[in-house]
Amino acid sequence: MESFKVPERKKPMIKSDSSSFVLALTILISGLSGVPLTAQQSEDFQPKNVISANVIGLLTNTFNAEFERVISPTSTIGFGGSTASTEWWGDPGNRPEPPITGTDASGFPIQDWNDPAYLQAMNDWEMLANTVEEARYVNFDLFYRFYPGSRRTRTYKAPIGWAFGMKMGLTAVNGAGRGDGTYFGFGFDMNHSWVLGPDDNFYVGLGFGLKRLMGVPQVTDSYYGGYGEKHSALDGKLPFGGGDLYPTIRIINVGFVF
């Protein structure tokens, strides 16, 4: 009689088909960066750098930091990293089944519910199902932001005001059971920022967006999602209840313009 064996968890490889997204991103950046400016605006424009971080997030076990480079009065490019963690109930996998010892007169299987190996496997499964675990992700993105400004007031002063952003990069997840791995992802966000202080060098920014991870395994088990129903291996294991699609939030980023 074979004993129950817990299947080995394997980390998924990075899977993505990103060529079309990268091409679209390049075309859009080229188009948006070419917003016509007046002669006075061109003379007044000077490239600037912004470095900022979400220091308040340290109180909530999250953190992000960014470097943003102004490339035109309406456009910026940059890179950033973030990390956060969340607690979730343990991932026990498929519920163990007792061994089949034969069939009855109607052809239905006869299962041995007192099999020692089955009872041990059930005990281990229940312990894992009632264990609280912590999953953490570490994220690195390249981004582009378009600051539309206002034609009415002739204000094109990136990185000030509303901005529409696009980003892509890698997200590494650890502690998520079968969802552990490193994934390529892309997303969009909306941001608003201010430059304050007597020298206009103190930066405050906030934003909200969504990011989609590619190649996250879809799992089927008898514990999550019902019998035979597939779901993302990251469901509920990323902050704010996210899975392979999760929200990104810049609560309050503060920093300096130089």
C-alpha atoms as a PDB file:
ATOM      1  CA  MET A   1       0.000   0.000   0.000  1.00  0.00           C
ATOM      2  CA  GLU A   2       1.534   3.303  -1.073  1.00  0.00           C
ATOM      3  CA  SER A   3       1.899   6.116   1.429  1.00  0.00           C
ATOM      4  CA  PHE A   4       0.701   9.619   0.700  1.00  0.00           C
ATOM      5  CA  LYS A   5       3.410  11.924  -0.608  1.00  0.00           C
ATOM      6  CA  VAL A   6       3.119  15.690  -0.562  1.00  0.00           C
ATOM      7  CA  PRO A   7       3.929  16.913  -4.093  1.00  0.00           C
ATOM      8  CA  GLU A   8       7.133  18.914  -4.442  1.00  0.00           C
ATOM      9  CA  ARG A   9       6.588  22.589  -5.091  1.00  0.00           C
ATOM     10  CA  LYS A  10       8.420  24.022  -8.038  1.00  0.00           C
ATOM     11  CA  LYS A  11       9.047  27.681  -8.756  1.00  0.00           C
ATOM     12  CA  PRO A  12       7.637  28.778 -12.103  1.00  0.00           C
ATOM     13  CA  MET A  13       9.879  30.143 -14.772  1.00  0.00           C
ATOM     14  CA  ILE A  14       9.357  33.688 -16.039  1.00  0.00           C
ATOM     15  CA  LYS A  15       6.791  33.481 -18.805  1.00  0.00           C
ATOM     16  CA  SER A  16       5.736  36.460 -20.889  1.00  0.00           C
ATOM     17  CA  ASP A  17       5.101  37.653 -24.353  1.00  0.00           C
ATOM     18  CA  SER A  18       6.187  41.245 -23.868  1.00  0.00           C
ATOM     19  CA  SER A  19       7.417  42.256 -27.327  1.00  0.00           C
ATOM     20  CA  SER A  20       4.118  43.810 -28.402  1.00  0.00           C
ATOM     21  CA  PHE A  21       3.763  45.708 -25.136  1.00  0.00           C
ATOM     22  CA  VAL A  22       7.305  47.087 -25.329  1.00  0.00           C
ATOM     23  CA  LEU A  23       6.725  48.192 -28.946  1.00  0.00           C
ATOM     24  CA  ALA A  24       3.471  49.920 -28.029  1.00  0.00           C
ATOM     25  CA  LEU A  25       5.125  51.606 -25.055  1.00  0.00           C
ATOM     26  CA  THR A  26       7.965  52.907 -27.240  1.00  0.00           C
ATOM     27  CA  ILE A  27       5.590  54.305 -29.868  1.00  0.00           C
ATOM     28  CA  LEU A  28       3.404  55.991 -27.251  1.00  0.00           C
ATOM     29  CA  ILE A  29       6.363  57.546 -25.454  1.00  0.00           C
ATOM     30  CA  SER A  30       7.680  58.916 -28.749  1.00  0.00           C
ATOM     31  CA  GLY A  31       4.309  60.420 -29.596  1.00  0.00           C
ATOM     32  CA  LEU A  32       3.582  61.950 -26.202  1.00  0.00           C
ATOM     33  CA  SER A  33       7.074  63.371 -25.834  1.00  0.00           C
ATOM     34  CA  GLY A  34       6.550  65.440 -28.948  1.00  0.00           C
ATOM     35  CA  VAL A  35       3.837  67.767 -27.627  1.00  0.00           C
ATOM     36  CA  PRO A  36       4.425  71.146 -29.336  1.00  0.00           C
ATOM     37  CA  LEU A  37       5.776  73.896 -27.105  1.00  0.00           C
ATOM     38  CA  THR A  38       6.051  77.629 -27.480  1.00  0.00           C
ATOM     39  CA  ALA A  39       9.474  79.214 -27.879  1.00  0.00           C
ATOM     40  CA  GLN A  40       9.279  80.660 -24.359  1.00  0.00           C
ATOM     41  CA  GLN A  41       8.459  77.230 -22.898  1.00  0.00           C
ATOM     42  CA  SER A  42      11.418  75.653 -24.686  1.00  0.00           C
ATOM     43  CA  GLU A  43      13.755  78.311 -23.308  1.00  0.00           C
ATOM     44  CA  ASP A  44      12.411  77.955 -19.760  1.00  0.00           C
ATOM     45  CA  PHE A  45      12.607  74.173 -19.713  1.00  0.00           C
ATOM     46  CA  GLN A  46      15.538  72.668 -17.845  1.00  0.00           C
ATOM     47  CA  PRO A  47      15.909  68.927 -17.211  1.00  0.00           C
ATOM     48  CA  LYS A  48      15.444  67.959 -13.580  1.00  0.00           C
ATOM     49  CA  ASN A  49      15.740  64.858 -11.450  1.00  0.00           C
ATOM     50  CA  VAL A  50      13.393  63.717  -8.694  1.00  0.00           C
ATOM     51  CA  ILE A  51      14.210  61.206  -5.992  1.00  0.00           C
ATOM     52  CA  SER A  52      11.418  60.209  -3.614  1.00  0.00           C
ATOM     53  CA  ALA A  53      10.362  57.501  -1.183  1.00  0.00           C
ATOM     54  CA  ASN A  54       7.289  56.435   0.746  1.00  0.00           C
ATOM     55  CA  VAL A  55       8.606  56.875   4.277  1.00  0.00           C
ATOM     56  CA  ILE A  56       5.120  56.563   5.809  1.00  0.00           C
ATOM     57  CA  GLY A  57       4.948  53.031   4.403  1.00  0.00           C
ATOM     58  CA  LEU A  58       7.643  51.942   6.849  1.00  0.00           C
ATOM     59  CA  LEU A  59       4.935  52.054   9.525  1.00  0.00           C
ATOM     60  CA  THR A  60       2.749  49.628   7.529  1.00  0.00           C
ATOM     61  CA  ASN A  61       5.470  47.182   6.456  1.00  0.00           C
ATOM     62  CA  THR A  62       5.634  48.571   2.915  1.00  0.00           C
ATOM     63  CA  PHE A  63       8.228  50.697   1.169  1.00  0.00           C
ATOM     64  CA  ASN A  64       8.916  52.153  -2.256  1.00  0.00           C
ATOM     65  CA  ALA A  65      11.474  54.520  -3.741  1.00  0.00           C
ATOM     66  CA  GLU A  66      11.782  56.123  -7.182  1.00  0.00           C
ATOM     67  CA  PHE A  67      14.156  58.066  -9.374  1.00  0.00           C
ATOM     68  CA  GLU A  68      12.420  60.188 -12.020  1.00  0.00           C
ATOM     69  CA  ARG A  69      14.128  62.118 -14.823  1.00  0.00           C
ATOM     70  CA  VAL A  70      12.386  64.976 -16.641  1.00  0.00           C
ATOM     71  CA  ILE A  71      13.057  64.556 -20.383  1.00  0.00           C
ATOM     72  CA  SER A  72      10.661  67.244 -21.651  1.00  0.00           C
ATOM     73  CA  PRO A  73       8.139  69.685 -20.165  1.00  0.00           C
ATOM     74  CA  THR A  74       5.484  66.959 -20.523  1.00  0.00           C
ATOM     75  CA  SER A  75       7.400  63.714 -20.014  1.00  0.00           C
ATOM     76  CA  THR A  76       9.491  61.843 -17.479  1.00  0.00           C
ATOM     77  CA  ILE A  77      11.167  58.451 -17.349  1.00  0.00           C
ATOM     78  CA  GLY A  78      12.514  56.622 -14.345  1.00  0.00           C
ATOM     79  CA  PHE A  79      12.805  53.487 -12.300  1.00  0.00           C
ATOM     80  CA  GLY A  80      11.585  52.407  -8.917  1.00  0.00           C
ATOM     81  CA  GLY A  81      11.453  49.567  -6.469  1.00  0.00           C
ATOM     82  CA  SER A  82       9.015  48.510  -3.796  1.00  0.00           C
ATOM     83  CA  THR A  83       8.453  45.774  -1.263  1.00  0.00           C
ATOM     84  CA  ALA A  84       5.508  44.742   0.886  1.00  0.00           C
ATOM     85  CA  SER A  85       4.263  41.721   2.782  1.00  0.00           C
ATOM     86  CA  THR A  86       0.922  40.257   3.741  1.00  0.00           C
ATOM     87  CA  GLU A  87      -0.313  37.385   5.895  1.00  0.00           C
ATOM     88  CA  TRP A  88      -2.415  34.541   4.524  1.00  0.00           C
ATOM     89  CA  TRP A  89      -3.645  31.127   5.594  1.00  0.00           C
ATOM     90  CA  GLY A  90      -1.268  28.304   4.712  1.00  0.00           C
ATOM     91  CA  ASP A  91      -1.484  26.669   1.296  1.00  0.00           C
ATOM     92  CA  PRO A  92      -2.084  22.965   2.025  1.00  0.00           C
ATOM     93  CA  GLY A  93      -2.639  21.910  -1.563  1.00  0.00           C
ATOM     94  CA  ASN A  94      -5.009  19.093  -2.449  1.00  0.00           C
ATOM     95  CA  ARG A  95      -6.867  17.440   0.389  1.00  0.00           C
ATOM     96  CA  PRO A  96      -5.526  13.904   0.936  1.00  0.00           C
ATOM     97  CA  GLU A  97      -7.732  11.017  -0.157  1.00  0.00           C
ATOM     98  CA  PRO A  98      -7.843   7.624   1.586  1.00  0.00           C
ATOM     99  CA  PRO A  99      -6.548   4.639  -0.371  1.00  0.00           C
ATOM    100  CA  ILE A 100      -8.987   2.540  -2.384  1.00  0.00           C
ATOM    101  CA  THR A 101      -9.071  -1.079  -1.279  1.00  0.00           C
ATOM    102  CA  GLY A 102     -11.645  -2.384  -3.747  1.00  0.00           C
ATOM    103  CA  THR A 103     -15.158  -1.828  -5.093  1.00  0.00           C
ATOM    104  CA  ASP A 104     -18.591  -2.668  -3.767  1.00  0.00           C
ATOM    105  CA  ALA A 105     -21.368  -4.524  -5.555  1.00  0.00           C
ATOM    106  CA  SER A 106     -22.386  -1.354  -7.384  1.00  0.00           C
ATOM    107  CA  GLY A 107     -18.864  -0.651  -8.587  1.00  0.00           C
ATOM    108  CA  PHE A 108     -18.211   2.252  -6.239  1.00  0.00           C
ATOM    109  CA  PRO A 109     -14.739   2.393  -4.668  1.00  0.00           C
ATOM    110  CA  ILE A 110     -14.207   1.245  -1.102  1.00  0.00           C
ATOM    111  CA  GLN A 111     -11.836   3.563   0.758  1.00  0.00           C
ATOM    112  CA  ASP A 112      -9.854   2.801   3.895  1.00  0.00           C
ATOM    113  CA  TRP A 113     -10.507   5.812   6.137  1.00  0.00           C
ATOM    114  CA  ASN A 114      -8.398   4.307   8.926  1.00  0.00           C
ATOM    115  CA  ASP A 115      -5.249   3.845   6.882  1.00  0.00           C
ATOM    116  CA  PRO A 116      -2.307   5.113   9.040  1.00  0.00           C
ATOM    117  CA  ALA A 117      -0.576   6.864   6.138  1.00  0.00           C
ATOM    118  CA  TYR A 118      -3.813   8.639   5.195  1.00  0.00           C
ATOM    119  CA  LEU A 119      -4.462   9.728   8.790  1.00  0.00           C
ATOM    120  CA  GLN A 120      -0.940  11.151   9.065  1.00  0.00           C
ATOM    121  CA  ALA A 121      -1.300  12.981   5.756  1.00  0.00           C
ATOM    122  CA  MET A 122      -4.634  14.459   6.887  1.00  0.00           C
ATOM    123  CA  ASN A 123      -3.086  15.615  10.151  1.00  0.00           C
ATOM    124  CA  ASP A 124      -0.237  17.357   8.293  1.00  0.00           C
ATOM    125  CA  TRP A 125      -2.683  18.888   5.811  1.00  0.00           C
ATOM    126  CA  GLU A 126      -4.932  20.313   8.543  1.00  0.00           C
ATOM    127  CA  MET A 127      -1.966  21.771  10.416  1.00  0.00           C
ATOM    128  CA  LEU A 128      -0.775  23.565   7.295  1.00  0.00           C
ATOM    129  CA  ALA A 129      -4.286  24.765   6.452  1.00  0.00           C
ATOM    130  CA  ASN A 130      -4.517  26.418   9.889  1.00  0.00           C
ATOM    131  CA  THR A 131      -1.093  28.050   9.791  1.00  0.00           C
ATOM    132  CA  VAL A 132      -0.721  31.779   9.122  1.00  0.00           C
ATOM    133  CA  GLU A 133       2.154  32.474   6.738  1.00  0.00           C
ATOM    134  CA  GLU A 134       3.725  35.661   5.392  1.00  0.00           C
ATOM    135  CA  ALA A 135       4.240  36.328   1.706  1.00  0.00           C
ATOM    136  CA  ARG A 136       6.533  39.126   0.538  1.00  0.00           C
ATOM    137  CA  TYR A 137       7.063  40.620  -2.877  1.00  0.00           C
ATOM    138  CA  VAL A 138       9.949  42.714  -4.169  1.00  0.00           C
ATOM    139  CA  ASN A 139       9.262  44.741  -7.272  1.00  0.00           C
ATOM    140  CA  PHE A 140      11.451  46.651  -9.770  1.00  0.00           C
ATOM    141  CA  ASP A 141       9.945  48.700 -12.613  1.00  0.00           C
ATOM    142  CA  LEU A 142      10.924  51.038 -15.416  1.00  0.00           C
ATOM    143  CA  PHE A 143       8.279  53.684 -16.038  1.00  0.00           C
ATOM    144  CA  TYR A 144       7.219  56.544 -18.275  1.00  0.00           C
ATOM    145  CA  ARG A 145       4.867  59.341 -17.169  1.00  0.00           C
ATOM    146  CA  PHE A 146       3.050  61.870 -19.305  1.00  0.00           C
ATOM    147  CA  TYR A 147       2.171  65.218 -17.683  1.00  0.00           C
ATOM    148  CA  PRO A 148      -0.476  66.754 -19.975  1.00  0.00           C
ATOM    149  CA  GLY A 149      -0.522  70.177 -18.340  1.00  0.00           C
ATOM    150  CA  SER A 150      -3.054  72.648 -19.737  1.00  0.00           C
ATOM    151  CA  ARG A 151      -3.207  74.347 -23.125  1.00  0.00           C
ATOM    152  CA  ARG A 152      -5.539  76.957 -21.661  1.00  0.00           C
ATOM    153  CA  THR A 153      -2.975  78.140 -19.110  1.00  0.00           C
ATOM    154  CA  ARG A 154       0.075  77.096 -21.161  1.00  0.00           C
ATOM    155  CA  THR A 155       1.494  75.176 -18.215  1.00  0.00           C
ATOM    156  CA  TYR A 156       3.737  72.261 -19.121  1.00  0.00           C
ATOM    157  CA  LYS A 157       5.914  71.711 -16.081  1.00  0.00           C
ATOM    158  CA  ALA A 158       6.705  68.052 -15.472  1.00  0.00           C
ATOM    159  CA  PRO A 159       6.949  66.652 -12.845  1.00  0.00           C
ATOM    160  CA  ILE A 160       4.161  68.866 -11.455  1.00  0.00           C
ATOM    161  CA  GLY A 161       0.449  68.076 -11.656  1.00  0.00           C
ATOM    162  CA  TRP A 162      -1.497  65.120 -12.994  1.00  0.00           C
ATOM    163  CA  ALA A 163       0.346  62.344 -14.815  1.00  0.00           C
ATOM    164  CA  PHE A 164      -0.605  59.159 -16.645  1.00  0.00           C
ATOM    165  CA  GLY A 165       2.039  56.460 -16.284  1.00  0.00           C
ATOM    166  CA  MET A 166       3.027  53.146 -17.856  1.00  0.00           C
ATOM    167  CA  LYS A 167       5.443  50.692 -16.301  1.00  0.00           C
ATOM    168  CA  MET A 168       6.971  47.265 -16.745  1.00  0.00           C
ATOM    169  CA  GLY A 169       9.404  45.180 -14.744  1.00  0.00           C
ATOM    170  CA  LEU A 170       9.993  42.147 -12.562  1.00  0.00           C
ATOM    171  CA  THR A 171       8.249  41.051  -9.380  1.00  0.00           C
ATOM    172  CA  ALA A 172       9.725  38.375  -7.108  1.00  0.00           C
ATOM    173  CA  VAL A 173       7.353  36.626  -4.695  1.00  0.00           C
ATOM    174  CA  ASN A 174       8.509  34.560  -1.725  1.00  0.00           C
ATOM    175  CA  GLY A 175       6.486  32.770   0.939  1.00  0.00           C
ATOM    176  CA  ALA A 176       3.408  32.283  -1.276  1.00  0.00           C
ATOM    177  CA  GLY A 177       3.628  28.506  -1.543  1.00  0.00           C
ATOM    178  CA  ARG A 178       2.953  27.369  -5.081  1.00  0.00           C
ATOM    179  CA  GLY A 179       2.928  31.020  -6.170  1.00  0.00           C
ATOM    180  CA  ASP A 180       6.605  31.570  -5.380  1.00  0.00           C
ATOM    181  CA  GLY A 181       8.615  32.794  -8.348  1.00  0.00           C
ATOM    182  CA  THR A 182       9.794  35.780 -10.371  1.00  0.00           C
ATOM    183  CA  TYR A 183       7.397  37.197 -12.937  1.00  0.00           C
ATOM    184  CA  PHE A 184       7.441  39.829 -15.661  1.00  0.00           C
ATOM    185  CA  GLY A 185       4.633  42.351 -15.356  1.00  0.00           C
ATOM    186  CA  PHE A 186       3.274  45.584 -16.779  1.00  0.00           C
ATOM    187  CA  GLY A 187       0.726  48.138 -15.709  1.00  0.00           C
ATOM    188  CA  PHE A 188      -0.613  51.664 -15.653  1.00  0.00           C
ATOM    189  CA  ASP A 189      -1.141  54.314 -13.004  1.00  0.00           C
ATOM    190  CA  MET A 190      -2.436  57.806 -12.326  1.00  0.00           C
ATOM    191  CA  ASN A 191      -0.332  60.201 -10.267  1.00  0.00           C
ATOM    192  CA  HIS A 192      -0.424  63.729  -8.926  1.00  0.00           C
ATOM    193  CA  SER A 193       2.575  65.629  -7.614  1.00  0.00           C
ATOM    194  CA  TRP A 194       3.506  68.981  -6.160  1.00  0.00           C
ATOM    195  CA  VAL A 195       6.780  70.908  -5.834  1.00  0.00           C
ATOM    196  CA  LEU A 196       6.926  73.015  -2.676  1.00  0.00           C
ATOM    197  CA  GLY A 197       9.317  75.132  -0.638  1.00  0.00           C
ATOM    198  CA  PRO A 198      11.019  78.504  -1.232  1.00  0.00           C
ATOM    199  CA  ASP A 199      13.338  76.955  -3.821  1.00  0.00           C
ATOM    200  CA  ASP A 200      10.737  74.632  -5.398  1.00  0.00           C
ATOM    201  CA  ASN A 201      12.822  71.608  -4.513  1.00  0.00           C
ATOM    202  CA  PHE A 202      10.607  69.665  -2.078  1.00  0.00           C
ATOM    203  CA  TYR A 203       8.557  66.998  -3.858  1.00  0.00           C
ATOM    204  CA  VAL A 204       5.267  65.372  -2.773  1.00  0.00           C
ATOM    205  CA  GLY A 205       3.544  62.754  -4.921  1.00  0.00           C
ATOM    206  CA  LEU A 206       0.785  60.179  -4.709  1.00  0.00           C
ATOM    207  CA  GLY A 207      -0.750  57.705  -7.115  1.00  0.00           C
ATOM    208  CA  PHE A 208      -2.768  54.576  -7.762  1.00  0.00           C
ATOM    209  CA  GLY A 209      -2.527  51.903 -10.442  1.00  0.00           C
ATOM    210  CA  LEU A 210      -2.762  48.244 -11.436  1.00  0.00           C
ATOM    211  CA  LYS A 211      -0.106  45.741 -12.461  1.00  0.00           C
ATOM    212  CA  ARG A 212      -0.555  42.413 -14.259  1.00  0.00           C
ATOM    213  CA  LEU A 213       1.934  39.588 -13.673  1.00  0.00           C
ATOM    214  CA  MET A 214       2.532  37.151 -16.520  1.00  0.00           C
ATOM    215  CA  GLY A 215       3.096  33.414 -16.138  1.00  0.00           C
ATOM    216  CA  VAL A 216       1.590  32.982 -12.672  1.00  0.00           C
ATOM    217  CA  PRO A 217       0.581  29.305 -12.378  1.00  0.00           C
ATOM    218  CA  GLN A 218      -3.094  28.398 -12.280  1.00  0.00           C
ATOM    219  CA  VAL A 219      -3.740  25.706  -9.677  1.00  0.00           C
ATOM    220  CA  THR A 220      -6.629  23.357  -9.028  1.00  0.00           C
ATOM    221  CA  ASP A 221      -7.245  21.885  -5.603  1.00  0.00           C
ATOM    222  CA  SER A 222     -10.006  20.899  -3.230  1.00  0.00           C
ATOM    223  CA  TYR A 223      -9.276  23.560  -0.641  1.00  0.00           C
ATOM    224  CA  TYR A 224      -9.282  26.885  -2.475  1.00  0.00           C
ATOM    225  CA  GLY A 225     -11.891  27.726  -5.076  1.00  0.00           C
ATOM    226  CA  GLY A 226     -13.869  24.485  -4.822  1.00  0.00           C
ATOM    227  CA  TYR A 227     -13.400  21.164  -6.527  1.00  0.00           C
ATOM    228  CA  GLY A 228     -11.870  21.304  -9.981  1.00  0.00           C
ATOM    229  CA  GLU A 229     -11.925  25.120 -10.218  1.00  0.00           C
ATOM    230  CA  LYS A 230      -8.706  26.804 -11.330  1.00  0.00           C
ATOM    231  CA  HIS A 231      -7.429  29.945  -9.694  1.00  0.00           C
ATOM    232  CA  SER A 232      -4.225  31.973  -9.521  1.00  0.00           C
ATOM    233  CA  ALA A 233      -1.602  30.582  -7.155  1.00  0.00           C
ATOM    234  CA  LEU A 234      -1.184  34.154  -5.852  1.00  0.00           C
ATOM    235  CA  ASP A 235      -4.850  34.819  -5.039  1.00  0.00           C
ATOM    236  CA  GLY A 236      -5.046  36.683  -1.733  1.00  0.00           C
ATOM    237  CA  LYS A 237      -1.293  36.437  -1.171  1.00  0.00           C
ATOM    238  CA  LEU A 238      -0.281  39.933  -2.305  1.00  0.00           C
ATOM    239  CA  PRO A 239      -1.114  43.174  -0.480  1.00  0.00           C
ATOM    240  CA  PHE A 240      -4.612  44.615  -0.886  1.00  0.00           C
ATOM    241  CA  GLY A 241      -6.002  41.176  -1.776  1.00  0.00           C
ATOM    242  CA  GLY A 242      -4.258  40.964  -5.120  1.00  0.00           C
ATOM    243  CA  GLY A 243      -3.200  37.977  -7.184  1.00  0.00           C
ATOM    244  CA  ASP A 244      -1.664  38.027 -10.649  1.00  0.00           C
ATOM    245  CA  LEU A 245      -3.510  41.370 -11.030  1.00  0.00           C
ATOM    246  CA  TYR A 246      -2.876  43.602  -8.044  1.00  0.00           C
ATOM    247  CA  PRO A 247      -3.167  47.309  -7.135  1.00  0.00           C
ATOM    248  CA  THR A 248      -0.138  49.545  -6.685  1.00  0.00           C
ATOM    249  CA  ILE A 249      -0.381  52.536  -4.370  1.00  0.00           C
ATOM    250  CA  ARG A 250       1.951  55.463  -3.742  1.00  0.00           C
ATOM    251  CA  ILE A 251       0.454  56.567  -0.436  1.00  0.00           C
ATOM    252  CA  ILE A 252       2.622  59.681  -0.023  1.00  0.00           C
ATOM    253  CA  ASN A 253       6.031  59.869  -1.648  1.00  0.00           C
ATOM    254  CA  VAL A 254       8.253  62.705  -0.474  1.00  0.00           C
ATOM    255  CA  GLY A 255      11.630  63.713  -1.820  1.00  0.00           C
ATOM    256  CA  PHE A 256      13.673  66.362  -3.575  1.00  0.00           C
ATOM    257  CA  VAL A 257      14.015  67.902  -7.016  1.00  0.00           C
ATOM    258  CA  PHE A 258      17.569  68.632  -8.118  1.00  0.00           C
END
